[in-house]
Full PDB file with SEQRES, HELIX, SHEET, SSBOND, CRYST1, ORIGX, SCALE, CONECT and MASTER records, all heavy atoms in Angstrom:
SEQRES   1 A   35  SER ALA LYS ASP ILE ALA ALA GLN ARG LYS ASP PHE THR          
SEQRES   2 A   35  ALA LEU SER THR ASP VAL ILE ALA LEU PHE LYS HIS ALA          
SEQRES   3 A   35  ASP LEU LYS LYS GLY SER ILE TYR VAL                          
HELIX    1 AA1 ILE A    5  PHE A   23  1                                  19    
CRYST1    1.000    1.000    1.000  90.00  90.00  90.00 P 1           1          
ORIGX1      1.000000  0.000000  0.000000        0.00000                         
ORIGX2      0.000000  1.000000  0.000000        0.00000                         
ORIGX3      0.000000  0.000000  1.000000        0.00000                         
SCALE1      1.000000  0.000000  0.000000        0.00000                         
SCALE2      0.000000  1.000000  0.000000        0.00000                         
SCALE3      0.000000  0.000000  1.000000        0.00000                         
ATOM      1  N   SER A   1      76.414 101.211 112.529  1.00  0.00           N  
ATOM      2  CA  SER A   1      75.291 101.760 113.258  1.00  0.00           C  
ATOM      3  C   SER A   1      73.949 101.607 112.424  1.00  0.00           C  
ATOM      4  O   SER A   1      72.886 102.106 112.782  1.00  0.00           O  
ATOM      5  CB  SER A   1      75.486 103.254 113.568  1.00  0.00           C  
ATOM      6  OG  SER A   1      75.620 104.006 112.390  1.00  0.00           O  
ATOM      7  N   ALA A   2      74.028 100.770 111.361  1.00  0.00           N  
ATOM      8  CA  ALA A   2      72.848 100.546 110.513  1.00  0.00           C  
ATOM      9  C   ALA A   2      71.780  99.776 111.262  1.00  0.00           C  
ATOM     10  O   ALA A   2      72.031  99.048 112.296  1.00  0.00           O  
ATOM     11  CB  ALA A   2      73.268  99.748 109.327  1.00  0.00           C  
ATOM     12  N   LYS A   3      70.516 100.027 110.954  1.00  0.00           N  
ATOM     13  CA  LYS A   3      69.404  99.421 111.612  1.00  0.00           C  
ATOM     14  C   LYS A   3      69.034  97.994 111.121  1.00  0.00           C  
ATOM     15  O   LYS A   3      68.442  97.216 111.821  1.00  0.00           O  
ATOM     16  CB  LYS A   3      68.176 100.306 111.425  1.00  0.00           C  
ATOM     17  CG  LYS A   3      68.302 101.705 111.889  1.00  0.00           C  
ATOM     18  CD  LYS A   3      68.138 101.753 113.412  1.00  0.00           C  
ATOM     19  CE  LYS A   3      68.351 103.216 113.950  1.00  0.00           C  
ATOM     20  NZ  LYS A   3      69.602 103.415 114.656  1.00  0.00           N  
ATOM     21  N   ASP A   4      69.471  97.686 109.899  1.00  0.00           N  
ATOM     22  CA  ASP A   4      69.301  96.396 109.366  1.00  0.00           C  
ATOM     23  C   ASP A   4      70.359  95.971 108.330  1.00  0.00           C  
ATOM     24  O   ASP A   4      71.082  96.888 107.933  1.00  0.00           O  
ATOM     25  CB  ASP A   4      67.871  96.177 108.798  1.00  0.00           C  
ATOM     26  CG  ASP A   4      67.575  97.216 107.667  1.00  0.00           C  
ATOM     27  OD1 ASP A   4      68.493  97.449 106.842  1.00  0.00           O  
ATOM     28  OD2 ASP A   4      66.481  97.715 107.640  1.00  0.00           O  
ATOM     29  N   ILE A   5      70.261  94.642 107.963  1.00  0.00           N  
ATOM     30  CA  ILE A   5      71.307  94.237 106.988  1.00  0.00           C  
ATOM     31  C   ILE A   5      71.152  94.897 105.645  1.00  0.00           C  
ATOM     32  O   ILE A   5      72.124  95.038 104.919  1.00  0.00           O  
ATOM     33  CB  ILE A   5      71.338  92.649 106.926  1.00  0.00           C  
ATOM     34  CG1 ILE A   5      72.630  92.132 106.270  1.00  0.00           C  
ATOM     35  CG2 ILE A   5      70.135  92.179 106.255  1.00  0.00           C  
ATOM     36  CD1 ILE A   5      73.246  90.992 106.852  1.00  0.00           C  
ATOM     37  N   ALA A   6      69.936  95.247 105.230  1.00  0.00           N  
ATOM     38  CA  ALA A   6      69.711  95.868 103.933  1.00  0.00           C  
ATOM     39  C   ALA A   6      70.426  97.174 103.856  1.00  0.00           C  
ATOM     40  O   ALA A   6      71.084  97.490 102.888  1.00  0.00           O  
ATOM     41  CB  ALA A   6      68.218  96.066 103.719  1.00  0.00           C  
ATOM     42  N   ALA A   7      70.413  97.996 104.957  1.00  0.00           N  
ATOM     43  CA  ALA A   7      71.174  99.209 105.003  1.00  0.00           C  
ATOM     44  C   ALA A   7      72.676  99.020 105.000  1.00  0.00           C  
ATOM     45  O   ALA A   7      73.404  99.729 104.355  1.00  0.00           O  
ATOM     46  CB  ALA A   7      70.800  99.979 106.276  1.00  0.00           C  
ATOM     47  N   GLN A   8      73.139  97.943 105.708  1.00  0.00           N  
ATOM     48  CA  GLN A   8      74.546  97.565 105.671  1.00  0.00           C  
ATOM     49  C   GLN A   8      74.982  97.244 104.314  1.00  0.00           C  
ATOM     50  O   GLN A   8      76.021  97.734 103.874  1.00  0.00           O  
ATOM     51  CB  GLN A   8      74.777  96.349 106.563  1.00  0.00           C  
ATOM     52  CG  GLN A   8      74.664  96.654 108.071  1.00  0.00           C  
ATOM     53  CD  GLN A   8      74.801  95.363 108.908  1.00  0.00           C  
ATOM     54  OE1 GLN A   8      74.514  94.251 108.524  1.00  0.00           O  
ATOM     55  NE2 GLN A   8      75.432  95.618 110.080  1.00  0.00           N  
ATOM     56  N   ARG A   9      74.151  96.548 103.620  1.00  0.00           N  
ATOM     57  CA  ARG A   9      74.540  96.015 102.279  1.00  0.00           C  
ATOM     58  C   ARG A   9      74.613  97.279 101.269  1.00  0.00           C  
ATOM     59  O   ARG A   9      75.456  97.342 100.369  1.00  0.00           O  
ATOM     60  CB  ARG A   9      73.710  95.003 101.703  1.00  0.00           C  
ATOM     61  CG  ARG A   9      73.931  93.636 102.379  1.00  0.00           C  
ATOM     62  CD  ARG A   9      72.978  92.604 102.048  1.00  0.00           C  
ATOM     63  NE  ARG A   9      73.485  91.278 102.341  1.00  0.00           N  
ATOM     64  CZ  ARG A   9      72.714  90.207 102.701  1.00  0.00           C  
ATOM     65  NH1 ARG A   9      71.431  90.329 102.646  1.00  0.00           N  
ATOM     66  NH2 ARG A   9      73.330  89.070 103.030  1.00  0.00           N  
ATOM     67  N   LYS A  10      73.669  98.228 101.368  1.00  0.00           N  
ATOM     68  CA  LYS A  10      73.650  99.360 100.590  1.00  0.00           C  
ATOM     69  C   LYS A  10      74.896 100.228 100.780  1.00  0.00           C  
ATOM     70  O   LYS A  10      75.548 100.609  99.794  1.00  0.00           O  
ATOM     71  CB  LYS A  10      72.418 100.258 100.973  1.00  0.00           C  
ATOM     72  CG  LYS A  10      72.173 101.384 100.073  1.00  0.00           C  
ATOM     73  CD  LYS A  10      70.810 102.126 100.360  1.00  0.00           C  
ATOM     74  CE  LYS A  10      70.518 103.285  99.503  1.00  0.00           C  
ATOM     75  NZ  LYS A  10      71.572 104.310  99.643  1.00  0.00           N  
ATOM     76  N   ASP A  11      75.351 100.420 102.088  1.00  0.00           N  
ATOM     77  CA  ASP A  11      76.593 101.184 102.350  1.00  0.00           C  
ATOM     78  C   ASP A  11      77.851 100.448 101.942  1.00  0.00           C  
ATOM     79  O   ASP A  11      78.780 101.049 101.625  1.00  0.00           O  
ATOM     80  CB  ASP A  11      76.552 101.520 103.877  1.00  0.00           C  
ATOM     81  CG  ASP A  11      75.553 102.634 104.119  1.00  0.00           C  
ATOM     82  OD1 ASP A  11      75.258 103.569 103.330  1.00  0.00           O  
ATOM     83  OD2 ASP A  11      75.048 102.686 105.282  1.00  0.00           O  
ATOM     84  N   PHE A  12      77.676  99.121 101.999  1.00  0.00           N  
ATOM     85  CA  PHE A  12      78.847  98.267 101.592  1.00  0.00           C  
ATOM     86  C   PHE A  12      79.272  98.598 100.065  1.00  0.00           C  
ATOM     87  O   PHE A  12      80.410  98.502  99.805  1.00  0.00           O  
ATOM     88  CB  PHE A  12      78.526  96.806 101.757  1.00  0.00           C  
ATOM     89  CG  PHE A  12      79.638  95.878 101.449  1.00  0.00           C  
ATOM     90  CD1 PHE A  12      80.755  95.759 102.265  1.00  0.00           C  
ATOM     91  CD2 PHE A  12      79.530  95.063 100.385  1.00  0.00           C  
ATOM     92  CE1 PHE A  12      81.785  94.934 102.046  1.00  0.00           C  
ATOM     93  CE2 PHE A  12      80.648  94.165 100.047  1.00  0.00           C  
ATOM     94  CZ  PHE A  12      81.719  94.115 100.851  1.00  0.00           C  
ATOM     95  N   THR A  13      78.329  98.984  99.265  1.00  0.00           N  
ATOM     96  CA  THR A  13      78.590  99.292  97.883  1.00  0.00           C  
ATOM     97  C   THR A  13      79.665 100.448  97.790  1.00  0.00           C  
ATOM     98  O   THR A  13      80.574 100.390  97.060  1.00  0.00           O  
ATOM     99  CB  THR A  13      77.334  99.660  97.061  1.00  0.00           C  
ATOM    100  OG1 THR A  13      76.359  98.647  97.326  1.00  0.00           O  
ATOM    101  CG2 THR A  13      77.531  99.785  95.644  1.00  0.00           C  
ATOM    102  N   ALA A  14      79.291 101.541  98.488  1.00  0.00           N  
ATOM    103  CA  ALA A  14      80.131 102.744  98.461  1.00  0.00           C  
ATOM    104  C   ALA A  14      81.538 102.403  99.123  1.00  0.00           C  
ATOM    105  O   ALA A  14      82.592 102.760  98.621  1.00  0.00           O  
ATOM    106  CB  ALA A  14      79.477 103.847  99.237  1.00  0.00           C  
ATOM    107  N   LEU A  15      81.508 101.675 100.176  1.00  0.00           N  
ATOM    108  CA  LEU A  15      82.786 101.249 100.836  1.00  0.00           C  
ATOM    109  C   LEU A  15      83.589 100.406  99.930  1.00  0.00           C  
ATOM    110  O   LEU A  15      84.794 100.639  99.749  1.00  0.00           O  
ATOM    111  CB  LEU A  15      82.431 100.459 102.091  1.00  0.00           C  
ATOM    112  CG  LEU A  15      83.629 100.136 103.004  1.00  0.00           C  
ATOM    113  CD1 LEU A  15      83.311 100.450 104.443  1.00  0.00           C  
ATOM    114  CD2 LEU A  15      84.049  98.710 102.798  1.00  0.00           C  
ATOM    115  N   SER A  16      82.974  99.502  99.271  1.00  0.00           N  
ATOM    116  CA  SER A  16      83.747  98.606  98.301  1.00  0.00           C  
ATOM    117  C   SER A  16      84.329  99.442  97.118  1.00  0.00           C  
ATOM    118  O   SER A  16      85.429  99.207  96.788  1.00  0.00           O  
ATOM    119  CB  SER A  16      82.771  97.591  97.692  1.00  0.00           C  
ATOM    120  OG  SER A  16      82.367  96.681  98.664  1.00  0.00           O  
ATOM    121  N   THR A  17      83.631 100.401  96.692  1.00  0.00           N  
ATOM    122  CA  THR A  17      84.139 101.253  95.506  1.00  0.00           C  
ATOM    123  C   THR A  17      85.435 101.908  95.949  1.00  0.00           C  
ATOM    124  O   THR A  17      86.390 101.901  95.232  1.00  0.00           O  
ATOM    125  CB  THR A  17      83.049 102.333  95.140  1.00  0.00           C  
ATOM    126  OG1 THR A  17      81.914 101.644  94.697  1.00  0.00           O  
ATOM    127  CG2 THR A  17      83.593 103.228  94.003  1.00  0.00           C  
ATOM    128  N   ASP A  18      85.461 102.456  97.148  1.00  0.00           N  
ATOM    129  CA  ASP A  18      86.636 103.173  97.703  1.00  0.00           C  
ATOM    130  C   ASP A  18      87.793 102.145  97.865  1.00  0.00           C  
ATOM    131  O   ASP A  18      88.977 102.419  97.450  1.00  0.00           O  
ATOM    132  CB  ASP A  18      86.358 103.809  99.085  1.00  0.00           C  
ATOM    133  CG  ASP A  18      85.479 105.022  98.922  1.00  0.00           C  
ATOM    134  OD1 ASP A  18      85.061 105.390  97.807  1.00  0.00           O  
ATOM    135  OD2 ASP A  18      85.200 105.648  99.924  1.00  0.00           O  
ATOM    136  N   VAL A  19      87.489 101.047  98.515  1.00  0.00           N  
ATOM    137  CA  VAL A  19      88.503 100.079  98.844  1.00  0.00           C  
ATOM    138  C   VAL A  19      89.102  99.413  97.579  1.00  0.00           C  
ATOM    139  O   VAL A  19      90.262  99.152  97.502  1.00  0.00           O  
ATOM    140  CB  VAL A  19      87.994  99.021  99.844  1.00  0.00           C  
ATOM    141  CG1 VAL A  19      88.972  97.876 100.034  1.00  0.00           C  
ATOM    142  CG2 VAL A  19      87.657  99.666 101.212  1.00  0.00           C  
ATOM    143  N   ILE A  20      88.212  99.162  96.545  1.00  0.00           N  
ATOM    144  CA  ILE A  20      88.703  98.538  95.353  1.00  0.00           C  
ATOM    145  C   ILE A  20      89.704  99.455  94.710  1.00  0.00           C  
ATOM    146  O   ILE A  20      90.781  99.030  94.196  1.00  0.00           O  
ATOM    147  CB  ILE A  20      87.584  98.196  94.386  1.00  0.00           C  
ATOM    148  CG1 ILE A  20      86.701  97.009  94.931  1.00  0.00           C  
ATOM    149  CG2 ILE A  20      88.031  97.912  92.962  1.00  0.00           C  
ATOM    150  CD1 ILE A  20      85.412  96.779  94.329  1.00  0.00           C  
ATOM    151  N   ALA A  21      89.396 100.755  94.632  1.00  0.00           N  
ATOM    152  CA  ALA A  21      90.350 101.702  94.125  1.00  0.00           C  
ATOM    153  C   ALA A  21      91.682 101.712  94.827  1.00  0.00           C  
ATOM    154  O   ALA A  21      92.778 101.707  94.090  1.00  0.00           O  
ATOM    155  CB  ALA A  21      89.733 103.172  94.175  1.00  0.00           C  
ATOM    156  N   LEU A  22      91.704 101.497  96.146  1.00  0.00           N  
ATOM    157  CA  LEU A  22      92.929 101.488  96.866  1.00  0.00           C  
ATOM    158  C   LEU A  22      93.714 100.149  96.429  1.00  0.00           C  
ATOM    159  O   LEU A  22      94.911 100.237  96.240  1.00  0.00           O  
ATOM    160  CB  LEU A  22      92.643 101.349  98.401  1.00  0.00           C  
ATOM    161  CG  LEU A  22      93.823 101.012  99.286  1.00  0.00           C  
ATOM    162  CD1 LEU A  22      94.803 102.107  99.415  1.00  0.00           C  
ATOM    163  CD2 LEU A  22      93.290 100.736 100.770  1.00  0.00           C  
ATOM    164  N   PHE A  23      93.084  99.080  96.290  1.00  0.00           N  
ATOM    165  CA  PHE A  23      93.730  97.801  96.031  1.00  0.00           C  
ATOM    166  C   PHE A  23      94.181  97.639  94.640  1.00  0.00           C  
ATOM    167  O   PHE A  23      95.141  96.881  94.327  1.00  0.00           O  
ATOM    168  CB  PHE A  23      92.930  96.558  96.516  1.00  0.00           C  
ATOM    169  CG  PHE A  23      92.932  96.442  98.029  1.00  0.00           C  
ATOM    170  CD1 PHE A  23      91.830  96.812  98.824  1.00  0.00           C  
ATOM    171  CD2 PHE A  23      94.115  96.102  98.666  1.00  0.00           C  
ATOM    172  CE1 PHE A  23      91.933  96.847 100.172  1.00  0.00           C  
ATOM    173  CE2 PHE A  23      94.200  96.009 100.035  1.00  0.00           C  
ATOM    174  CZ  PHE A  23      93.091  96.419 100.772  1.00  0.00           C  
ATOM    175  N   LYS A  24      93.654  98.368  93.693  1.00  0.00           N  
ATOM    176  CA  LYS A  24      94.092  98.402  92.340  1.00  0.00           C  
ATOM    177  C   LYS A  24      95.515  98.939  92.214  1.00  0.00           C  
ATOM    178  O   LYS A  24      96.214  98.701  91.349  1.00  0.00           O  
ATOM    179  CB  LYS A  24      93.149  99.105  91.389  1.00  0.00           C  
ATOM    180  CG  LYS A  24      91.918  98.254  91.109  1.00  0.00           C  
ATOM    181  CD  LYS A  24      91.070  98.978  89.996  1.00  0.00           C  
ATOM    182  CE  LYS A  24      89.910  97.963  89.734  1.00  0.00           C  
ATOM    183  NZ  LYS A  24      89.080  98.499  88.548  1.00  0.00           N  
ATOM    184  N   HIS A  25      95.932  99.710  93.186  1.00  0.00           N  
ATOM    185  CA  HIS A  25      97.216 100.338  93.238  1.00  0.00           C  
ATOM    186  C   HIS A  25      98.056  99.875  94.400  1.00  0.00           C  
ATOM    187  O   HIS A  25      99.132 100.393  94.664  1.00  0.00           O  
ATOM    188  CB  HIS A  25      97.030 101.910  93.304  1.00  0.00           C  
ATOM    189  CG  HIS A  25      96.259 102.379  92.184  1.00  0.00           C  
ATOM    190  ND1 HIS A  25      96.713 102.494  90.870  1.00  0.00           N  
ATOM    191  CD2 HIS A  25      94.938 102.790  92.158  1.00  0.00           C  
ATOM    192  CE1 HIS A  25      95.731 102.988  90.102  1.00  0.00           C  
ATOM    193  NE2 HIS A  25      94.672 103.130  90.797  1.00  0.00           N  
ATOM    194  N   ALA A  26      97.637  98.916  95.165  1.00  0.00           N  
ATOM    195  CA  ALA A  26      98.316  98.344  96.306  1.00  0.00           C  
ATOM    196  C   ALA A  26      99.575  97.489  95.889  1.00  0.00           C  
ATOM    197  O   ALA A  26      99.475  96.917  94.754  1.00  0.00           O  
ATOM    198  CB  ALA A  26      97.382  97.611  97.239  1.00  0.00           C  
ATOM    199  N   ASP A  27     100.537  97.375  96.771  1.00  0.00           N  
ATOM    200  CA  ASP A  27     101.693  96.601  96.413  1.00  0.00           C  
ATOM    201  C   ASP A  27     101.428  95.137  96.931  1.00  0.00           C  
ATOM    202  O   ASP A  27     101.605  94.891  98.094  1.00  0.00           O  
ATOM    203  CB  ASP A  27     102.947  97.191  97.042  1.00  0.00           C  
ATOM    204  CG  ASP A  27     104.137  96.937  96.301  1.00  0.00           C  
ATOM    205  OD1 ASP A  27     104.141  96.049  95.354  1.00  0.00           O  
ATOM    206  OD2 ASP A  27     105.194  97.596  96.597  1.00  0.00           O  
ATOM    207  N   LEU A  28     101.021  94.320  96.046  1.00  0.00           N  
ATOM    208  CA  LEU A  28     100.707  92.870  96.391  1.00  0.00           C  
ATOM    209  C   LEU A  28     101.920  92.042  96.300  1.00  0.00           C  
ATOM    210  O   LEU A  28     102.650  92.091  95.294  1.00  0.00           O  
ATOM    211  CB  LEU A  28      99.681  92.422  95.390  1.00  0.00           C  
ATOM    212  CG  LEU A  28      98.841  91.218  95.672  1.00  0.00           C  
ATOM    213  CD1 LEU A  28      98.032  91.406  96.889  1.00  0.00           C  
ATOM    214  CD2 LEU A  28      97.833  90.985  94.497  1.00  0.00           C  
ATOM    215  N   LYS A  29     102.236  91.357  97.400  1.00  0.00           N  
ATOM    216  CA  LYS A  29     103.414  90.478  97.512  1.00  0.00           C  
ATOM    217  C   LYS A  29     103.040  89.123  97.045  1.00  0.00           C  
ATOM    218  O   LYS A  29     103.834  88.439  96.362  1.00  0.00           O  
ATOM    219  CB  LYS A  29     103.886  90.491  98.976  1.00  0.00           C  
ATOM    220  CG  LYS A  29     105.374  90.489  99.125  1.00  0.00           C  
ATOM    221  CD  LYS A  29     105.843  90.919 100.511  1.00  0.00           C  
ATOM    222  CE  LYS A  29     105.234  90.097 101.677  1.00  0.00           C  
ATOM    223  NZ  LYS A  29     105.884  90.460 102.931  1.00  0.00           N  
ATOM    224  N   LYS A  30     101.875  88.642  97.459  1.00  0.00           N  
ATOM    225  CA  LYS A  30     101.540  87.224  97.261  1.00  0.00           C  
ATOM    226  C   LYS A  30     100.020  87.076  97.084  1.00  0.00           C  
ATOM    227  O   LYS A  30      99.269  87.838  97.693  1.00  0.00           O  
ATOM    228  CB  LYS A  30     102.018  86.412  98.417  1.00  0.00           C  
ATOM    229  CG  LYS A  30     101.764  84.899  98.336  1.00  0.00           C  
ATOM    230  CD  LYS A  30     102.321  84.241  99.585  1.00  0.00           C  
ATOM    231  CE  LYS A  30     101.492  82.938  99.756  1.00  0.00           C  
ATOM    232  NZ  LYS A  30     101.391  82.503 101.195  1.00  0.00           N  
ATOM    233  N   GLY A  31      99.603  86.155  96.261  1.00  0.00           N  
ATOM    234  CA  GLY A  31      98.172  85.892  96.106  1.00  0.00           C  
ATOM    235  C   GLY A  31      97.494  86.787  95.055  1.00  0.00           C  
ATOM    236  O   GLY A  31      98.118  87.571  94.378  1.00  0.00           O  
ATOM    237  N   SER A  32      96.251  86.561  94.894  1.00  0.00           N  
ATOM    238  CA  SER A  32      95.380  87.393  93.968  1.00  0.00           C  
ATOM    239  C   SER A  32      94.136  87.884  94.703  1.00  0.00           C  
ATOM    240  O   SER A  32      93.673  87.250  95.581  1.00  0.00           O  
ATOM    241  CB  SER A  32      94.909  86.523  92.734  1.00  0.00           C  
ATOM    242  OG  SER A  32      95.949  86.143  91.946  1.00  0.00           O  
ATOM    243  N   ILE A  33      93.769  89.087  94.202  1.00  0.00           N  
ATOM    244  CA  ILE A  33      92.530  89.679  94.769  1.00  0.00           C  
ATOM    245  C   ILE A  33      91.588  89.702  93.629  1.00  0.00           C  
ATOM    246  O   ILE A  33      91.877  90.213  92.525  1.00  0.00           O  
ATOM    247  CB  ILE A  33      92.798  91.135  95.339  1.00  0.00           C  
ATOM    248  CG1 ILE A  33      93.756  91.070  96.509  1.00  0.00           C  
ATOM    249  CG2 ILE A  33      91.415  91.733  95.783  1.00  0.00           C  
ATOM    250  CD1 ILE A  33      94.241  92.464  96.948  1.00  0.00           C  
ATOM    251  N   TYR A  34      90.347  89.242  93.811  1.00  0.00           N  
ATOM    252  CA  TYR A  34      89.395  89.202  92.699  1.00  0.00           C  
ATOM    253  C   TYR A  34      88.362  90.289  92.930  1.00  0.00           C  
ATOM    254  O   TYR A  34      87.848  90.407  94.016  1.00  0.00           O  
ATOM    255  CB  TYR A  34      88.647  87.830  92.701  1.00  0.00           C  
ATOM    256  CG  TYR A  34      89.565  86.646  92.395  1.00  0.00           C  
ATOM    257  CD1 TYR A  34      90.303  85.955  93.370  1.00  0.00           C  
ATOM    258  CD2 TYR A  34      89.854  86.321  91.046  1.00  0.00           C  
ATOM    259  CE1 TYR A  34      91.110  84.939  93.053  1.00  0.00           C  
ATOM    260  CE2 TYR A  34      90.750  85.281  90.784  1.00  0.00           C  
ATOM    261  CZ  TYR A  34      91.354  84.649  91.724  1.00  0.00           C  
ATOM    262  OH  TYR A  34      92.217  83.649  91.452  1.00  0.00           O  
ATOM    263  N   VAL A  35      88.169  91.123  91.853  1.00  0.00           N  
ATOM    264  CA  VAL A  35      87.058  92.128  91.837  1.00  0.00           C  
ATOM    265  C   VAL A  35      85.935  91.443  91.284  1.00  0.00           C  
ATOM    266  O   VAL A  35      85.916  90.987  90.106  1.00  0.00           O  
ATOM    267  CB  VAL A  35      87.510  93.370  91.046  1.00  0.00           C  
ATOM    268  CG1 VAL A  35      86.382  94.358  91.083  1.00  0.00           C  
ATOM    269  CG2 VAL A  35      88.796  93.943  91.605  1.00  0.00           C  
TER     270      VAL A  35                                                      
MASTER        0    0    0    1    0    0    0    6  269    1    0    3          
END                                                                             
């Protein structure tokens, strides 16, 4: 619901922090995830 891409990018930081924490403990079968 952001009004512009700058707002989207700002919120993406918080979203990324949460998701990165999840993937550091995820059960990876194949491939690599780069932080």
